[in-house]
Structures are given as C-alpha cells and as structure tokens.
C-alpha atoms as a PDB file:
ATOM      1  CA  MET A   1     -14.500   5.315 -23.269  1.00  0.00           C
ATOM      2  CA  ARG A   2     -13.929   9.063 -23.355  1.00  0.00           C
ATOM      3  CA  LEU A   3     -11.420   8.701 -26.201  1.00  0.00           C
ATOM      4  CA  VAL A   4     -13.892   6.791 -28.410  1.00  0.00           C
ATOM      5  CA  THR A   5     -16.629   9.375 -27.827  1.00  0.00           C
ATOM      6  CA  ALA A   6     -14.315  12.269 -28.613  1.00  0.00           C
ATOM      7  CA  LEU A   7     -13.119  10.506 -31.760  1.00  0.00           C
ATOM      8  CA  ALA A   8     -16.711   9.937 -32.961  1.00  0.00           C
ATOM      9  CA  ILE A   9     -17.543  13.633 -32.473  1.00  0.00           C
ATOM     10  CA  LEU A  10     -14.414  14.629 -34.369  1.00  0.00           C
ATOM     11  CA  ILE A  11     -15.303  12.328 -37.320  1.00  0.00           C
ATOM     12  CA  VAL A  12     -18.866  13.690 -37.497  1.00  0.00           C
ATOM     13  CA  SER A  13     -17.636  17.271 -37.570  1.00  0.00           C
ATOM     14  CA  LEU A  14     -15.067  16.577 -40.294  1.00  0.00           C
ATOM     15  CA  VAL A  15     -17.160  14.253 -42.510  1.00  0.00           C
ATOM     16  CA  PRO A  16     -20.827  15.407 -42.573  1.00  0.00           C
ATOM     17  CA  GLY A  17     -21.861  12.598 -44.935  1.00  0.00           C
ATOM     18  CA  ILE A  18     -21.441   9.990 -42.245  1.00  0.00           C
ATOM     19  CA  ALA A  19     -23.091  12.028 -39.556  1.00  0.00           C
ATOM     20  CA  TYR A  20     -26.150   9.806 -39.285  1.00  0.00           C
ATOM     21  CA  ALA A  21     -24.116   6.640 -39.271  1.00  0.00           C
ATOM     22  CA  ALA A  22     -22.025   7.975 -36.433  1.00  0.00           C
ATOM     23  CA  VAL A  23     -25.015   9.225 -34.492  1.00  0.00           C
ATOM     24  CA  ASP A  24     -27.006   6.008 -35.010  1.00  0.00           C
ATOM     25  CA  ALA A  25     -24.131   3.846 -33.844  1.00  0.00           C
ATOM     26  CA  PRO A  26     -24.723   2.194 -30.468  1.00  0.00           C
ATOM     27  CA  ALA A  27     -23.685   4.483 -27.669  1.00  0.00           C
ATOM     28  CA  PRO A  28     -20.768   3.216 -25.698  1.00  0.00           C
ATOM     29  CA  SER A  29     -21.632   1.804 -22.310  1.00  0.00           C
ATOM     30  CA  THR A  30     -21.572   4.352 -19.536  1.00  0.00           C
ATOM     31  CA  ARG A  31     -20.769   1.688 -16.952  1.00  0.00           C
ATOM     32  CA  GLU A  32     -17.289   2.047 -15.590  1.00  0.00           C
ATOM     33  CA  THR A  33     -15.477  -1.222 -15.055  1.00  0.00           C
ATOM     34  CA  THR A  34     -14.035  -1.190 -11.571  1.00  0.00           C
ATOM     35  CA  PRO A  35     -10.751  -3.034 -11.322  1.00  0.00           C
ATOM     36  CA  ASP A  36     -10.699  -5.857  -8.820  1.00  0.00           C
ATOM     37  CA  ILE A  37      -8.521  -4.208  -6.169  1.00  0.00           C
ATOM     38  CA  ARG A  38      -7.760  -6.565  -3.293  1.00  0.00           C
ATOM     39  CA  ALA A  39      -6.651  -5.101  -0.005  1.00  0.00           C
ATOM     40  CA  PRO A  40      -3.217  -6.408   0.993  1.00  0.00           C
ATOM     41  CA  SER A  41      -3.285  -9.180   3.554  1.00  0.00           C
ATOM     42  CA  ARG A  42      -1.789  -8.777   7.008  1.00  0.00           C
ATOM     43  CA  GLU A  43       1.258 -10.797   5.936  1.00  0.00           C
ATOM     44  CA  GLU A  44       1.730  -8.634   2.852  1.00  0.00           C
ATOM     45  CA  GLN A  45       1.480  -5.479   4.946  1.00  0.00           C
ATOM     46  CA  ILE A  46       4.129  -6.792   7.346  1.00  0.00           C
ATOM     47  CA  ASP A  47       6.427  -7.742   4.455  1.00  0.00           C
ATOM     48  CA  ALA A  48       6.047  -4.286   2.905  1.00  0.00           C
ATOM     49  CA  LEU A  49       6.733  -2.492   6.182  1.00  0.00           C
ATOM     50  CA  ILE A  50       9.807  -4.629   6.884  1.00  0.00           C
ATOM     51  CA  LYS A  51      11.092  -3.827   3.392  1.00  0.00           C
ATOM     52  CA  THR A  52      10.533  -0.128   4.094  1.00  0.00           C
ATOM     53  CA  LEU A  53      12.590  -0.387   7.279  1.00  0.00           C
ATOM     54  CA  GLN A  54      15.370  -2.211   5.459  1.00  0.00           C
ATOM     55  CA  THR A  55      15.605   0.314   2.642  1.00  0.00           C
ATOM     56  CA  THR A  56      14.647   3.762   3.943  1.00  0.00           C
ATOM     57  CA  LYS A  57      17.223   6.281   5.142  1.00  0.00           C
ATOM     58  CA  ASP A  58      14.519   8.584   6.501  1.00  0.00           C
ATOM     59  CA  ASP A  59      14.098   8.271  10.275  1.00  0.00           C
ATOM     60  CA  THR A  60      10.560   9.656  10.143  1.00  0.00           C
ATOM     61  CA  VAL A  61       9.513   7.027   7.615  1.00  0.00           C
ATOM     62  CA  ALA A  62      11.179   4.350   9.734  1.00  0.00           C
ATOM     63  CA  ILE A  63       9.325   5.425  12.883  1.00  0.00           C
ATOM     64  CA  GLU A  64       6.021   5.376  11.008  1.00  0.00           C
ATOM     65  CA  ALA A  65       6.758   1.876   9.715  1.00  0.00           C
ATOM     66  CA  GLU A  66       7.725   0.665  13.204  1.00  0.00           C
ATOM     67  CA  ASN A  67       4.502   2.082  14.655  1.00  0.00           C
ATOM     68  CA  SER A  68       2.439   0.488  11.903  1.00  0.00           C
ATOM     69  CA  LEU A  69       4.067  -2.883  12.578  1.00  0.00           C
ATOM     70  CA  ALA A  70       3.477  -2.530  16.310  1.00  0.00           C
ATOM     71  CA  ASN A  71      -0.207  -1.869  15.641  1.00  0.00           C
ATOM     72  CA  LEU A  72      -0.466  -4.860  13.302  1.00  0.00           C
ATOM     73  CA  TRP A  73       1.176  -7.178  15.809  1.00  0.00           C
ATOM     74  CA  LEU A  74      -0.973  -5.854  18.651  1.00  0.00           C
ATOM     75  CA  LYS A  75      -4.266  -6.656  16.885  1.00  0.00           C
ATOM     76  CA  SER A  76      -5.398 -10.084  18.007  1.00  0.00           C
ATOM     77  CA  GLY A  77      -8.542 -10.406  15.934  1.00  0.00           C
ATOM     78  CA  SER A  78     -10.574 -10.633  19.149  1.00  0.00           C
ATOM     79  CA  ALA A  79     -12.236  -7.621  20.765  1.00  0.00           C
ATOM     80  CA  THR A  80     -12.042  -9.378  24.138  1.00  0.00           C
ATOM     81  CA  VAL A  81      -8.314 -10.036  23.851  1.00  0.00           C
ATOM     82  CA  ASP A  82      -7.643  -6.501  22.599  1.00  0.00           C
ATOM     83  CA  LEU A  83      -9.451  -5.122  25.662  1.00  0.00           C
ATOM     84  CA  MET A  84      -7.503  -7.403  27.984  1.00  0.00           C
ATOM     85  CA  MET A  85      -4.249  -6.262  26.378  1.00  0.00           C
ATOM     86  CA  ARG A  86      -5.163  -2.693  27.308  1.00  0.00           C
ATOM     87  CA  TRP A  87      -5.577  -3.890  30.895  1.00  0.00           C
ATOM     88  CA  VAL A  88      -2.167  -5.567  30.641  1.00  0.00           C
ATOM     89  CA  THR A  89      -0.588  -2.304  29.479  1.00  0.00           C
ATOM     90  CA  ALA A  90      -2.156  -0.408  32.380  1.00  0.00           C
ATOM     91  CA  ALA A  91      -1.022  -3.041  34.880  1.00  0.00           C
ATOM     92  CA  MET A  92       2.527  -2.984  33.525  1.00  0.00           C
ATOM     93  CA  ALA A  93       2.628   0.813  33.662  1.00  0.00           C
ATOM     94  CA  ALA A  94       1.640   0.584  37.335  1.00  0.00           C
ATOM     95  CA  LYS A  95       4.273  -2.149  37.842  1.00  0.00           C
ATOM     96  CA  ASN A  96       1.485  -4.463  38.944  1.00  0.00           C
ATOM     97  CA  TYR A  97       3.137  -7.484  37.378  1.00  0.00           C
ATOM     98  CA  PRO A  98       1.037 -10.230  39.029  1.00  0.00           C
ATOM     99  CA  THR A  99      -2.132  -8.690  37.592  1.00  0.00           C
ATOM    100  CA  ALA A 100      -0.509  -8.306  34.176  1.00  0.00           C
ATOM    101  CA  LEU A 101       0.539 -11.968  34.247  1.00  0.00           C
ATOM    102  CA  ASP A 102      -2.953 -13.052  35.241  1.00  0.00           C
ATOM    103  CA  TYR A 103      -4.448 -11.265  32.246  1.00  0.00           C
ATOM    104  CA  LEU A 104      -1.725 -12.585  29.929  1.00  0.00           C
ATOM    105  CA  ASP A 105      -2.260 -16.165  31.060  1.00  0.00           C
ATOM    106  CA  ARG A 106      -5.936 -15.807  30.169  1.00  0.00           C
ATOM    107  CA  ILE A 107      -5.110 -14.178  26.832  1.00  0.00           C
ATOM    108  CA  LEU A 108      -2.760 -16.975  25.832  1.00  0.00           C
ATOM    109  CA  THR A 109      -5.311 -19.595  26.838  1.00  0.00           C
ATOM    110  CA  LEU A 110      -7.838 -17.932  24.537  1.00  0.00           C
ATOM    111  CA  THR A 111      -5.398 -17.205  21.688  1.00  0.00           C
ATOM    112  CA  PRO A 112      -2.273 -19.390  21.901  1.00  0.00           C
ATOM    113  CA  ASP A 113      -1.044 -18.190  18.482  1.00  0.00           C
ATOM    114  CA  TYR A 114      -1.152 -14.510  19.466  1.00  0.00           C
ATOM    115  CA  ALA A 115       2.524 -13.526  19.260  1.00  0.00           C
ATOM    116  CA  GLU A 116       2.109 -10.209  21.044  1.00  0.00           C
ATOM    117  CA  GLY A 117       0.617 -11.936  24.060  1.00  0.00           C
ATOM    118  CA  TRP A 118       3.731 -14.095  24.389  1.00  0.00           C
ATOM    119  CA  ASN A 119       5.919 -11.037  23.835  1.00  0.00           C
ATOM    120  CA  ALA A 120       4.181  -9.042  26.561  1.00  0.00           C
ATOM    121  CA  ARG A 121       4.394 -11.926  29.013  1.00  0.00           C
ATOM    122  CA  ALA A 122       8.088 -12.390  28.226  1.00  0.00           C
ATOM    123  CA  THR A 123       8.597  -8.712  29.033  1.00  0.00           C
ATOM    124  CA  VAL A 124       6.886  -9.090  32.399  1.00  0.00           C
ATOM    125  CA  TYR A 125       8.910 -12.186  33.234  1.00  0.00           C
ATOM    126  CA  PHE A 126      12.097 -10.346  32.249  1.00  0.00           C
ATOM    127  CA  LEU A 127      11.194  -7.415  34.503  1.00  0.00           C
ATOM    128  CA  GLU A 128      10.593  -9.859  37.335  1.00  0.00           C
ATOM    129  CA  GLY A 129      13.951 -11.536  36.731  1.00  0.00           C
ATOM    130  CA  ASP A 130      12.382 -14.845  35.680  1.00  0.00           C
ATOM    131  CA  TYR A 131      14.695 -15.374  32.727  1.00  0.00           C
ATOM    132  CA  SER A 132      13.887 -18.997  31.964  1.00  0.00           C
ATOM    133  CA  ARG A 133      10.183 -18.260  31.502  1.00  0.00           C
ATOM    134  CA  ALA A 134      10.959 -15.095  29.559  1.00  0.00           C
ATOM    135  CA  LEU A 135      13.215 -17.103  27.234  1.00  0.00           C
ATOM    136  CA  PHE A 136      10.501 -19.693  26.632  1.00  0.00           C
ATOM    137  CA  ASP A 137       7.925 -17.015  25.800  1.00  0.00           C
ATOM    138  CA  LEU A 138      10.273 -15.202  23.409  1.00  0.00           C
ATOM    139  CA  GLN A 139      10.871 -18.468  21.598  1.00  0.00           C
ATOM    140  CA  GLN A 140       7.100 -18.770  21.143  1.00  0.00           C
ATOM    141  CA  VAL A 141       6.929 -15.243  19.723  1.00  0.00           C
ATOM    142  CA  LEU A 142       9.593 -16.041  17.142  1.00  0.00           C
ATOM    143  CA  ARG A 143       8.007 -19.380  16.308  1.00  0.00           C
ATOM    144  CA  ILE A 144       4.779 -17.570  15.429  1.00  0.00           C
ATOM    145  CA  GLU A 145       6.326 -14.389  13.959  1.00  0.00           C
ATOM    146  CA  PRO A 146      10.016 -14.763  13.011  1.00  0.00           C
ATOM    147  CA  ARG A 147      10.094 -11.150  11.763  1.00  0.00           C
ATOM    148  CA  HIS A 148       9.311  -9.706  15.190  1.00  0.00           C
ATOM    149  CA  PHE A 149      12.435  -7.585  15.610  1.00  0.00           C
ATOM    150  CA  ASP A 150      11.327  -6.305  19.029  1.00  0.00           C
ATOM    151  CA  ALA A 151      11.239  -9.893  20.279  1.00  0.00           C
ATOM    152  CA  LEU A 152      14.668 -10.521  18.763  1.00  0.00           C
ATOM    153  CA  ALA A 153      15.991  -7.406  20.495  1.00  0.00           C
ATOM    154  CA  GLY A 154      14.422  -8.578  23.740  1.00  0.00           C
ATOM    155  CA  LEU A 155      15.965 -11.995  23.258  1.00  0.00           C
ATOM    156  CA  GLY A 156      19.362 -10.375  22.784  1.00  0.00           C
ATOM    157  CA  ALA A 157      18.960  -8.368  25.986  1.00  0.00           C
ATOM    158  CA  LEU A 158      17.867 -11.454  27.890  1.00  0.00           C
ATOM    159  CA  LEU A 159      20.731 -13.609  26.620  1.00  0.00           C
ATOM    160  CA  ARG A 160      23.215 -10.878  27.473  1.00  0.00           C
ATOM    161  CA  GLU A 161      21.839 -10.744  31.023  1.00  0.00           C
ATOM    162  CA  MET A 162      22.281 -14.517  31.186  1.00  0.00           C
ATOM    163  CA  GLY A 163      25.937 -14.164  30.159  1.00  0.00           C
ATOM    164  CA  LYS A 164      25.386 -15.747  26.737  1.00  0.00           C
ATOM    165  CA  ASN A 165      27.070 -12.979  24.765  1.00  0.00           C
ATOM    166  CA  LYS A 166      27.590 -14.887  21.508  1.00  0.00           C
ATOM    167  CA  GLU A 167      23.926 -15.844  21.273  1.00  0.00           C
ATOM    168  CA  ALA A 168      22.971 -12.315  22.324  1.00  0.00           C
ATOM    169  CA  LEU A 169      25.023 -10.823  19.511  1.00  0.00           C
ATOM    170  CA  SER A 170      23.360 -13.102  16.976  1.00  0.00           C
ATOM    171  CA  ALA A 171      19.913 -12.110  18.235  1.00  0.00           C
ATOM    172  CA  PHE A 172      20.786  -8.412  18.087  1.00  0.00           C
ATOM    173  CA  GLU A 173      22.162  -8.768  14.550  1.00  0.00           C
ATOM    174  CA  ALA A 174      19.039 -10.625  13.444  1.00  0.00           C
ATOM    175  CA  ALA A 175      16.925  -7.754  14.811  1.00  0.00           C
ATOM    176  CA  LEU A 176      19.033  -5.193  12.952  1.00  0.00           C
ATOM    177  CA  ALA A 177      18.755  -7.165   9.708  1.00  0.00           C
ATOM    178  CA  LEU A 178      14.990  -6.615   9.905  1.00  0.00           C
ATOM    179  CA  ASP A 179      15.103  -3.064  11.257  1.00  0.00           C
ATOM    180  CA  PRO A 180      18.452  -1.256  10.894  1.00  0.00           C
ATOM    181  CA  HIS A 181      16.978   1.771  12.714  1.00  0.00           C
ATOM    182  CA  LEU A 182      17.083   0.195  16.196  1.00  0.00           C
ATOM    183  CA  ALA A 183      19.679   2.538  17.670  1.00  0.00           C
ATOM    184  CA  SER A 184      19.936   0.864  21.080  1.00  0.00           C
ATOM    185  CA  VAL A 185      20.398  -2.522  19.426  1.00  0.00           C
ATOM    186  CA  GLY A 186      23.108  -1.118  17.185  1.00  0.00           C
ATOM    187  CA  LYS A 187      24.876   0.200  20.263  1.00  0.00           C
ATOM    188  CA  ALA A 188      24.588  -3.201  21.975  1.00  0.00           C
ATOM    189  CA  VAL A 189      26.143  -4.880  18.926  1.00  0.00           C
ATOM    190  CA  ALA A 190      29.003  -2.377  18.888  1.00  0.00           C
ATOM    191  CA  ASP A 191      29.610  -2.910  22.620  1.00  0.00           C
ATOM    192  CA  LEU A 192      29.714  -6.686  22.291  1.00  0.00           C
ATOM    193  CA  LYS A 193      32.032  -6.573  19.291  1.00  0.00           C
ATOM    194  CA  ARG A 194      34.300  -4.159  21.108  1.00  0.00           C
ATOM    195  CA  LYS A 195      34.636  -6.843  23.763  1.00  0.00           C
ATOM    196  CA  GLY A 196      35.705  -9.328  21.103  1.00  0.00           C
ATOM    197  CA  VAL A 197      32.424 -11.259  21.026  1.00  0.00           C
ATOM    198  CA  ALA A 198      31.669 -13.123  17.802  1.00  0.00           C
ATOM    199  CA  GLY A 199      28.111 -14.209  17.082  1.00  0.00           C
ATOM    200  CA  ARG A 200      26.854 -17.722  16.621  1.00  0.00           C
ATOM    201  CA  ASP A 201      23.671 -19.315  15.322  1.00  0.00           C
ATOM    202  CA  LEU A 202      20.709 -19.085  17.663  1.00  0.00           C
END
C-alpha cells in the first residue's frame, strides 16, 4: 500500500498533466489486512522443543527447552488438577509419600490421560521401592506421551534397579535420542556399555 501511494505521488510530480487524474483516482484502502496467524498447538510446541534439544549444541538453549517442555507436560488443562499437583509436589518434598499418592490417585481418577500425573505417581512408587507399580505407571506415561524423555530416563533407572540391564540401556538410549543433553543418562549408558551390556527392544 505504501509503495503504490509513493508511486502515485512521484508520477504527479513528474507529469503535471495527469495530476488531476492521479488525485481523483480512488484512494487505496487504509485497512491493513492482518495475516491469519494461528498459535502453534501443544503438540507442535512439543515437537519444536524436542527438535531444538536434538539439534542445539548450546547448553543454555537446551535447559530452556527442557524447562518449557516440563511446563507443557505439567499443565493438565484443569485448574483443580493443577492445584492438586502443587500439593503433590509439596508432599513429595516433605517425603510425605502417602499423602502424595492420595492426591495422585484422585488426579488420575479425574484425568486418566494426564501423563504427568502417572509420571509423578511412578516417581513416588519408585521412591517407596514399589517397582511393579512404578513400572505400570511409567508405561502409562509413555502410552500417552511417547516423547517424555524424563519418563524414559526413569524407566531406565527402574529397570536397572530390577536387574534388567539390557532393557534399561534401551530405555536410556531412547531418552537420549530425544534429549542428548541428559548428562546423567549419558553416564548411565556409558556405565552399562562398559559392563558389556547390549540394548534390546523395550
């Protein structure tokens, strides 16, 4: 729009004989056309952040991407559930695991497809030494969100504790494929390989 207006002024100044024609011509519309910009969906945001983790060499960028993913996964879409998750975090920090489990049971009844609820409960079960329940909950996390590298890392740690080193290595490697910046997971992989462990399909 600005280019057309400037061009008309230039023509009028150079060719006086057509001044009236140029001036009488319909004025260009002053309405700006706003492009239809759609905000990326949650899935698109996750995909973009995973790609950032897989490609960046900058640790600061990687940490920012990890934090953004953690925030995305934590949001349940329910104000009630989000509040209860804060109570879960406080209970876990105080090592009050029965209370944390009580809240998590309620959360998962309300929102059974909330991956972070399953992940948090798996963590509590792991801390309590209840590996079979922790394993079940981690499987639910990965059923809902296969890109959840924290759950894959947790699965690797759990399987290693259970003496299933081959499966543990595969879980750790799957986590690293999504986020190569997981230093502790990289160390776990190196330790297992040093022991001669070869991975297998989960």
